[in-house]
Amino acid sequence: MSFGKGAMFDKFRPYMGNGLAMSDGAFHRRQRRLMLPAFRQGRIEHYAGNMVRAATELTGSWRPGEVRLVDEDMQGLAVTIVGAALFATELGGSAIEESRRSIPVIVKQGIIRALSPGFVERLPIPGNRAFDAAISRMREVVTRVITGWDGVDHGDLLSLLLLARDADTGEGMTEQQVFDEVITLLTAGIETSALALGWIFHELGRNPEVEAKLHAELDEVLGGRPVTFADLPRLEYTRRVATEGLRMYSLWLLMRRANREVDLGGLRLRPGDEIIVSPYTMHFDERSFPDPDRFDPDRWSPERTAAVPDGSFIPFGAGIRQCIGNSFALTELLTAIATVAAQWRLVPVPDRPVRVKFTNAPYPSALPMTAVPRH
C-alpha cells in the first residue's frame, strides 16, 4: 500500500488499540474478513428494528412547542443505536449507558489532542482529565461485558465478534482484539451519523420545499405507520436527503502517511511524509457539484448522479479502507429521518444563528429547533 494511517490516528491509538480504523496490512484484512458477516443485509435488517425503536423513544419524549437541542438529541440517538447493535444482553445495558456519558467526551477531546502539539496531551488541564477518566470508564465497562459473555449468539455485534473464526486458520479474535474493535465501532460509528442527522434537520427547517417533498413521500409510503427495513427501497427522496446531508456535512480532514515514494499530481512524496485529505472540500468542488452551497437532494436523482465523477463523493472513504459500517450508517440515517419527519417538523429558532465549528468535522455551535407536531 502506498499510504498508511497518519499522525491523527497515532493520537487515538492508545485508546482505540489496533481496531479496524487503526490497523493496516494483513492484520487489517483479516479483521475485516472476520467482521464482514456482522454487516450483511440480514443483520442490518435486524439492527433496523432497534434503530426505529430508539428514534421512536426519542421523539416520544418531545412536547409540542418545546425547543430541542437537536445536535445533542441526535448524538444521544446515535449512541443508543450503536450501543444497542453492539450489546444485546442485560450486562450490555451498562455499556450503553456509559457510552452515552463517555463517548462524546472521548471524541471531542480526542480530536483536540489529535490536532494539538504533542505536549498538550500531557498537561493537567480539565479536557485531558475528562478524556482520561472517560477512557478508563469505557475500558472497565466494555471489558466486563466481554468477559461476562455467555457464549450465545444474541444477535448483536459483540456476539458475532466473539464467535467469528478465520476461514483459513479456524482462529478467532483474542479478547483484546474484540475490545479494540468494540471501542472502534463505538467511537467511529457515532460521529458521522449524529452530525449528518443534526444538520439534515437543520437544512429541512431552512428549506420548506424540500421538507414538503419529504413529508409527501413519507405519508404516501408509510401512511402513518412506523418505518420498516422493507420500506427503505421505496423512500427514494428520503435517501436523496440523507445523501445530500452526507455531502454537505462530511469529515473536514483525514491524514495519511506515505509508506513509499509516491508521485502525487507531480509532487514527490517521501516515505513518512504526511498529507491531509479533505472530503469536505471535495464535496464542495463546483466541477463535481454545481451550486455546492445549496442543499439540493435532487442532485442525487439517477440522471444527475450519473454526472458525478467517480471518487468525488467519499463520506465513508473509498477503496479497501471504505468504512465497513457504511450500510449500517445509511440505514440509521434513513430510519431516523423517516421516524422523526413522519410525525414532527423541527423549526429553526429565530434570532439563534447556527455557526459551524470546524475540528475534523463541521460541528454546529448549537442546533436549537422547535418541535412542532405534523398531525
Protein backbone atom coordinates (compact mmCIF):
# COMPACT_ATOMS: atom_id res chain seq x y z
CA MET A 1 0.00 0.00 0.00
CA SER A 2 1.23 3.49 -0.84
CA PHE A 3 -0.31 5.13 2.22
CA GLY A 4 -0.93 4.16 5.82
CA LYS A 5 -2.51 5.85 8.80
CA GLY A 6 -1.29 9.33 9.65
CA ALA A 7 -0.48 11.39 12.72
CA MET A 8 -4.12 11.93 13.71
CA PHE A 9 -4.65 8.18 14.04
CA ASP A 10 -1.47 7.86 16.10
CA LYS A 11 -3.04 10.09 18.75
CA PHE A 12 -6.08 7.81 19.02
CA ARG A 13 -4.13 4.52 19.04
CA PRO A 14 -3.53 4.40 22.83
CA TYR A 15 -7.30 4.41 23.27
CA MET A 16 -8.56 2.51 20.21
CA GLY A 17 -5.74 -0.03 20.09
CA ASN A 18 -5.40 -1.95 16.84
CA GLY A 19 -9.04 -1.86 15.79
CA LEU A 20 -10.18 -1.72 12.19
CA ALA A 21 -9.75 2.06 11.93
CA MET A 22 -6.18 1.85 13.22
CA SER A 23 -4.77 -1.36 11.72
CA ASP A 24 -3.01 -1.88 8.39
CA GLY A 25 -1.79 -4.66 6.15
CA ALA A 26 -2.54 -8.35 6.56
CA PHE A 27 -3.93 -7.93 10.08
CA HIS A 28 -6.40 -5.31 8.86
CA ARG A 29 -7.56 -7.56 6.02
CA ARG A 30 -8.04 -10.48 8.42
CA GLN A 31 -10.06 -8.39 10.86
CA ARG A 32 -12.21 -7.01 8.08
CA ARG A 33 -12.99 -10.53 6.82
CA LEU A 34 -13.95 -11.63 10.32
CA MET A 35 -16.23 -8.64 10.82
CA LEU A 36 -17.98 -8.51 7.44
CA PRO A 37 -20.73 -11.02 8.38
CA ALA A 38 -21.87 -8.61 11.11
CA PHE A 39 -22.72 -6.03 8.44
CA ARG A 40 -24.54 -8.16 5.88
CA GLN A 41 -28.10 -7.33 4.89
CA GLY A 42 -29.78 -9.82 7.21
CA ARG A 43 -28.01 -8.35 10.22
CA ILE A 44 -28.64 -4.77 9.10
CA GLU A 45 -32.36 -5.60 8.87
CA HIS A 46 -32.23 -6.84 12.46
CA TYR A 47 -30.46 -3.68 13.63
CA ALA A 48 -33.03 -1.53 11.78
CA GLY A 49 -35.71 -2.56 14.26
CA ASN A 50 -33.56 -1.24 17.10
CA MET A 51 -32.97 1.99 15.16
CA VAL A 52 -36.70 2.64 14.76
CA ARG A 53 -37.38 1.87 18.42
CA ALA A 54 -34.62 4.25 19.56
CA ALA A 55 -35.86 7.08 17.31
CA THR A 56 -39.46 6.49 18.40
CA GLU A 57 -38.44 6.59 22.06
CA LEU A 58 -36.61 9.88 21.49
CA THR A 59 -39.49 11.60 19.69
CA GLY A 60 -41.95 10.23 22.22
CA SER A 61 -40.20 12.38 24.85
CA TRP A 62 -40.77 15.61 22.87
CA ARG A 63 -43.55 18.04 23.67
CA PRO A 64 -45.29 20.36 21.17
CA GLY A 65 -43.62 23.76 21.04
CA GLU A 66 -40.60 22.57 23.00
CA VAL A 67 -37.19 23.85 21.92
CA ARG A 68 -34.84 20.92 21.46
CA LEU A 69 -31.07 20.99 21.07
CA VAL A 70 -31.21 18.76 18.04
CA ASP A 71 -27.43 18.24 17.85
CA GLU A 72 -27.49 16.77 21.36
CA ASP A 73 -30.61 14.72 20.62
CA MET A 74 -29.02 13.20 17.52
CA GLN A 75 -25.79 12.42 19.31
CA GLY A 76 -27.70 10.64 22.06
CA LEU A 77 -29.72 8.77 19.43
CA ALA A 78 -26.57 7.65 17.60
CA VAL A 79 -25.00 6.39 20.83
CA THR A 80 -28.17 4.45 21.67
CA ILE A 81 -28.37 2.89 18.19
CA VAL A 82 -24.73 1.81 18.02
CA GLY A 83 -24.79 0.62 21.63
CA ALA A 84 -27.94 -1.46 21.08
CA ALA A 85 -26.40 -3.04 17.97
CA LEU A 86 -23.26 -3.94 19.91
CA PHE A 87 -24.75 -5.13 23.20
CA ALA A 88 -27.97 -7.13 23.43
CA THR A 89 -27.58 -8.58 26.93
CA GLU A 90 -28.62 -7.08 30.23
CA LEU A 91 -24.97 -6.61 31.12
CA GLY A 92 -24.55 -4.65 27.90
CA GLY A 93 -27.07 -2.10 29.14
CA SER A 94 -24.45 -0.66 31.46
CA ALA A 95 -22.08 -0.30 28.50
CA ILE A 96 -24.74 1.61 26.53
CA GLU A 97 -25.35 3.98 29.44
CA GLU A 98 -21.62 4.54 29.90
CA SER A 99 -21.27 5.14 26.17
CA ARG A 100 -23.86 7.92 26.39
CA ARG A 101 -21.75 9.55 29.06
CA SER A 102 -18.22 8.92 27.84
CA ILE A 103 -18.08 8.57 24.05
CA PRO A 104 -18.94 12.23 23.29
CA VAL A 105 -16.17 13.30 25.69
CA ILE A 106 -13.68 10.92 24.09
CA VAL A 107 -14.49 12.02 20.54
CA LYS A 108 -14.34 15.75 21.34
CA GLN A 109 -11.21 15.68 23.48
CA GLY A 110 -9.52 13.08 21.28
CA ILE A 111 -9.88 15.33 18.24
CA ILE A 112 -8.49 18.28 20.20
CA ARG A 113 -5.49 16.14 21.14
CA ALA A 114 -5.01 14.94 17.58
CA LEU A 115 -4.90 18.49 16.25
CA SER A 116 -2.73 19.91 19.06
CA PRO A 117 1.06 19.79 19.62
CA GLY A 118 2.21 16.67 21.44
CA PHE A 119 2.93 18.37 24.76
CA VAL A 120 -0.74 19.43 25.16
CA GLU A 121 -1.93 15.91 25.98
CA ARG A 122 0.50 15.78 28.93
CA LEU A 123 -0.82 18.93 30.59
CA PRO A 124 -3.07 18.52 33.67
CA ILE A 125 -5.91 20.52 32.12
CA PRO A 126 -9.65 19.75 32.53
CA GLY A 127 -10.03 18.41 28.98
CA ASN A 128 -7.23 15.88 29.44
CA ARG A 129 -8.56 14.76 32.81
CA ALA A 130 -12.04 14.29 31.34
CA PHE A 131 -10.59 12.33 28.40
CA ASP A 132 -8.54 10.00 30.61
CA ALA A 133 -11.43 9.42 33.00
CA ALA A 134 -13.82 8.61 30.13
CA ILE A 135 -11.34 6.14 28.63
CA SER A 136 -10.90 4.43 31.99
CA ARG A 137 -14.65 4.07 32.48
CA MET A 138 -15.19 2.69 28.97
CA ARG A 139 -12.32 0.25 29.30
CA GLU A 140 -13.75 -1.08 32.55
CA VAL A 141 -17.35 -1.49 31.38
CA VAL A 142 -16.57 -2.97 27.94
CA THR A 143 -14.08 -5.44 29.44
CA ARG A 144 -16.74 -6.52 31.93
CA VAL A 145 -19.24 -7.18 29.14
CA ILE A 146 -16.72 -9.19 27.09
CA THR A 147 -15.57 -11.35 29.97
CA GLY A 148 -19.17 -11.90 31.07
CA TRP A 149 -20.37 -13.13 27.66
CA ASP A 150 -22.18 -16.47 27.94
CA GLY A 151 -21.14 -17.96 24.58
CA VAL A 152 -24.59 -17.50 22.99
CA ASP A 153 -25.28 -15.53 19.81
CA HIS A 154 -27.66 -12.82 21.00
CA GLY A 155 -27.93 -11.25 17.55
CA ASP A 156 -25.64 -8.37 18.49
CA LEU A 157 -22.29 -7.30 17.07
CA LEU A 158 -20.42 -8.39 20.17
CA SER A 159 -21.62 -11.99 19.78
CA LEU A 160 -20.52 -12.06 16.15
CA LEU A 161 -17.07 -10.68 17.01
CA LEU A 162 -16.60 -13.30 19.73
CA LEU A 163 -17.89 -16.13 17.55
CA ALA A 164 -16.01 -15.13 14.37
CA ARG A 165 -13.45 -17.63 13.06
CA ASP A 166 -10.85 -17.24 10.34
CA ALA A 167 -11.77 -19.50 7.39
CA ASP A 168 -8.11 -20.46 6.83
CA THR A 169 -6.85 -20.99 10.38
CA GLY A 170 -10.03 -21.50 12.41
CA GLU A 171 -8.76 -18.95 14.89
CA GLY A 172 -10.92 -16.27 16.43
CA MET A 173 -10.12 -12.91 17.94
CA THR A 174 -8.49 -12.53 21.31
CA GLU A 175 -10.38 -10.62 23.98
CA GLN A 176 -8.03 -7.69 23.38
CA GLN A 177 -8.82 -7.69 19.67
CA VAL A 178 -12.55 -7.82 20.39
CA PHE A 179 -12.15 -4.95 22.84
CA ASP A 180 -10.29 -2.85 20.25
CA GLU A 181 -13.00 -3.45 17.63
CA VAL A 182 -15.84 -2.66 20.06
CA ILE A 183 -14.22 0.62 21.08
CA THR A 184 -13.56 1.45 17.43
CA LEU A 185 -17.17 0.80 16.43
CA LEU A 186 -18.49 2.85 19.33
CA THR A 187 -16.21 5.80 18.61
CA ALA A 188 -16.28 5.82 14.80
CA GLY A 189 -19.92 4.77 14.50
CA ILE A 190 -21.39 7.79 16.23
CA GLU A 191 -19.81 10.98 14.96
CA THR A 192 -20.66 10.87 11.23
CA SER A 193 -24.28 9.78 11.73
CA ALA A 194 -25.00 12.18 14.60
CA LEU A 195 -23.58 15.18 12.74
CA ALA A 196 -25.35 14.31 9.49
CA LEU A 197 -28.72 13.87 11.21
CA GLY A 198 -28.48 17.13 13.11
CA TRP A 199 -27.54 19.11 10.01
CA ILE A 200 -30.17 17.38 7.86
CA PHE A 201 -32.97 18.51 10.18
CA HIS A 202 -31.42 21.98 10.20
CA GLU A 203 -31.49 22.06 6.38
CA LEU A 204 -35.04 20.72 6.25
CA GLY A 205 -36.10 23.54 8.55
CA ARG A 206 -34.42 26.08 6.25
CA ASN A 207 -35.79 24.58 3.02
CA PRO A 208 -39.59 24.19 3.27
CA GLU A 209 -39.92 22.97 -0.32
CA VAL A 210 -37.53 20.09 0.39
CA GLU A 211 -39.30 19.35 3.67
CA ALA A 212 -42.68 19.26 1.89
CA LYS A 213 -41.44 16.74 -0.69
CA LEU A 214 -40.00 14.57 2.08
CA HIS A 215 -43.26 14.66 4.04
CA ALA A 216 -45.26 13.78 0.94
CA GLU A 217 -43.13 10.70 0.32
CA LEU A 218 -43.29 9.56 3.94
CA ASP A 219 -47.07 9.99 4.05
CA GLU A 220 -47.51 8.04 0.82
CA VAL A 221 -45.17 5.16 1.66
CA LEU A 222 -45.80 4.81 5.39
CA GLY A 223 -49.38 6.00 5.74
CA GLY A 224 -48.87 6.85 9.40
CA ARG A 225 -47.27 3.57 10.48
CA PRO A 226 -43.66 3.14 11.68
CA VAL A 227 -40.99 2.69 9.02
CA THR A 228 -39.57 -0.80 8.45
CA PHE A 229 -36.44 -2.04 6.71
CA ALA A 230 -38.61 -3.25 3.83
CA ASP A 231 -39.82 0.32 3.24
CA LEU A 232 -36.36 1.77 2.66
CA PRO A 233 -36.04 0.99 -1.08
CA ARG A 234 -39.26 2.94 -1.70
CA LEU A 235 -38.05 6.00 0.23
CA GLU A 236 -36.15 7.35 -2.75
CA TYR A 237 -36.39 11.04 -1.88
CA THR A 238 -35.55 10.34 1.77
CA ARG A 239 -32.36 8.66 0.55
CA ARG A 240 -31.52 11.73 -1.54
CA VAL A 241 -31.99 13.93 1.53
CA ALA A 242 -29.66 11.69 3.54
CA THR A 243 -27.04 11.61 0.79
CA GLU A 244 -27.09 15.39 0.40
CA GLY A 245 -26.62 15.76 4.14
CA LEU A 246 -23.58 13.50 3.97
CA ARG A 247 -22.19 15.57 1.09
CA MET A 248 -22.54 18.93 2.80
CA TYR A 249 -21.51 17.89 6.32
CA SER A 250 -18.80 15.29 5.94
CA LEU A 251 -15.44 14.97 7.67
CA TRP A 252 -13.32 18.06 7.25
CA LEU A 253 -10.00 16.29 7.12
CA LEU A 254 -8.22 12.96 7.30
CA MET A 255 -4.49 12.32 7.46
CA ARG A 256 -2.41 9.71 5.67
CA ARG A 257 1.29 8.86 5.75
CA ALA A 258 3.27 7.82 2.68
CA ASN A 259 4.73 4.32 3.03
CA ARG A 260 6.99 4.70 -0.01
CA GLU A 261 7.90 7.29 -2.60
CA VAL A 262 4.74 8.49 -4.35
CA ASP A 263 4.19 10.89 -7.23
CA LEU A 264 1.03 12.74 -6.24
CA GLY A 265 -0.04 15.08 -9.05
CA GLY A 266 3.55 15.99 -9.77
CA LEU A 267 4.52 16.34 -6.12
CA ARG A 268 7.13 13.82 -4.96
CA LEU A 269 6.29 12.39 -1.53
CA ARG A 270 8.93 10.58 0.51
CA PRO A 271 8.27 7.73 2.95
CA GLY A 272 6.96 9.22 6.19
CA ASP A 273 5.52 12.38 4.60
CA GLU A 274 2.10 13.31 5.95
CA ILE A 275 -0.76 14.51 3.74
CA ILE A 276 -4.19 15.87 4.57
CA VAL A 277 -7.25 14.77 2.60
CA SER A 278 -10.42 16.85 2.90
CA PRO A 279 -13.65 15.06 1.92
CA TYR A 280 -15.49 18.26 2.84
CA THR A 281 -13.54 20.29 0.29
CA MET A 282 -14.02 17.63 -2.39
CA HIS A 283 -17.77 17.67 -1.79
CA PHE A 284 -17.89 21.42 -2.46
CA ASP A 285 -15.96 21.30 -5.72
CA GLU A 286 -18.16 23.07 -8.30
CA ARG A 287 -16.81 20.85 -11.06
CA SER A 288 -18.47 17.85 -9.43
CA PHE A 289 -21.32 19.54 -7.57
CA PRO A 290 -22.69 22.71 -9.23
CA ASP A 291 -24.03 25.30 -6.78
CA PRO A 292 -22.43 23.33 -3.92
CA ASP A 293 -23.66 25.58 -1.09
CA ARG A 294 -27.27 24.75 -1.91
CA PHE A 295 -28.98 21.88 -0.09
CA ASP A 296 -30.32 20.09 -3.16
CA PRO A 297 -31.36 16.46 -2.67
CA ASP A 298 -32.37 16.20 -6.32
CA ARG A 299 -28.71 16.36 -7.34
CA TRP A 300 -28.82 12.65 -6.37
CA SER A 301 -31.57 11.78 -8.84
CA PRO A 302 -30.46 8.96 -11.18
CA GLU A 303 -29.91 11.21 -14.18
CA ARG A 304 -27.84 13.77 -12.23
CA THR A 305 -25.91 11.20 -10.18
CA ALA A 306 -24.56 9.75 -13.41
CA ALA A 307 -22.68 13.02 -13.98
CA VAL A 308 -20.88 12.90 -10.61
CA PRO A 309 -17.25 11.80 -11.22
CA ASP A 310 -16.08 8.60 -9.56
CA GLY A 311 -14.19 9.28 -6.35
CA SER A 312 -15.57 12.78 -5.83
CA PHE A 313 -18.06 11.72 -3.11
CA ILE A 314 -16.44 9.84 -0.22
CA PRO A 315 -18.45 10.29 3.02
CA PHE A 316 -17.36 6.81 4.13
CA GLY A 317 -13.96 6.75 2.45
CA ALA A 318 -13.20 4.62 -0.58
CA GLY A 319 -11.34 1.55 -1.78
CA ILE A 320 -10.24 -1.24 0.51
CA ARG A 321 -10.47 1.04 3.55
CA GLN A 322 -14.05 2.15 2.98
CA CYS A 323 -15.93 2.20 6.27
CA ILE A 324 -17.23 -1.30 6.99
CA GLY A 325 -20.34 0.20 8.58
CA ASN A 326 -21.47 2.36 5.65
CA SER A 327 -24.67 0.33 5.07
CA PHE A 328 -25.40 0.42 8.79
CA ALA A 329 -24.94 4.19 8.87
CA LEU A 330 -27.13 4.84 5.82
CA THR A 331 -29.88 2.63 7.25
CA GLU A 332 -29.60 4.57 10.51
CA LEU A 333 -29.99 7.90 8.69
CA LEU A 334 -32.99 6.72 6.68
CA THR A 335 -34.87 5.19 9.61
CA ALA A 336 -34.18 8.20 11.86
CA ILE A 337 -35.23 10.75 9.22
CA ALA A 338 -38.38 8.77 8.43
CA THR A 339 -39.32 8.28 12.08
CA VAL A 340 -38.85 11.92 13.05
CA ALA A 341 -40.17 13.63 9.91
CA ALA A 342 -43.26 11.45 9.62
CA GLN A 343 -44.57 12.90 12.90
CA TRP A 344 -42.69 16.13 13.59
CA ARG A 345 -41.38 19.30 12.00
CA LEU A 346 -38.25 20.80 13.51
CA VAL A 347 -38.35 24.57 13.05
CA PRO A 348 -35.27 26.81 13.44
CA VAL A 349 -35.46 29.20 16.38
CA PRO A 350 -35.48 32.85 15.23
CA ASP A 351 -32.56 35.02 16.32
CA ARG A 352 -30.50 31.94 17.25
CA PRO A 353 -27.90 31.83 14.47
CA VAL A 354 -26.21 28.50 13.86
CA ARG A 355 -22.45 28.60 13.28
CA VAL A 356 -20.09 25.88 12.12
CA LYS A 357 -17.15 24.93 14.35
CA PHE A 358 -14.50 23.02 12.43
CA THR A 359 -12.28 20.43 14.05
CA ASN A 360 -12.03 17.28 11.97
CA ALA A 361 -15.72 17.69 11.08
CA PRO A 362 -18.27 20.53 10.84
CA TYR A 363 -19.76 20.66 14.32
CA PRO A 364 -22.65 23.08 14.96
CA SER A 365 -22.30 25.71 17.66
CA ALA A 366 -25.78 24.50 18.70
CA LEU A 367 -28.91 23.44 16.84
CA PRO A 368 -31.90 24.75 18.81
CA MET A 369 -35.13 23.86 16.99
CA THR A 370 -38.78 23.94 17.97
CA ALA A 371 -40.63 20.61 17.83
CA VAL A 372 -43.96 21.03 16.02
CA PRO A 373 -46.30 18.03 15.55
CA ARG A 374 -47.32 17.43 11.94
CA HIS A 375 -50.68 15.88 12.79
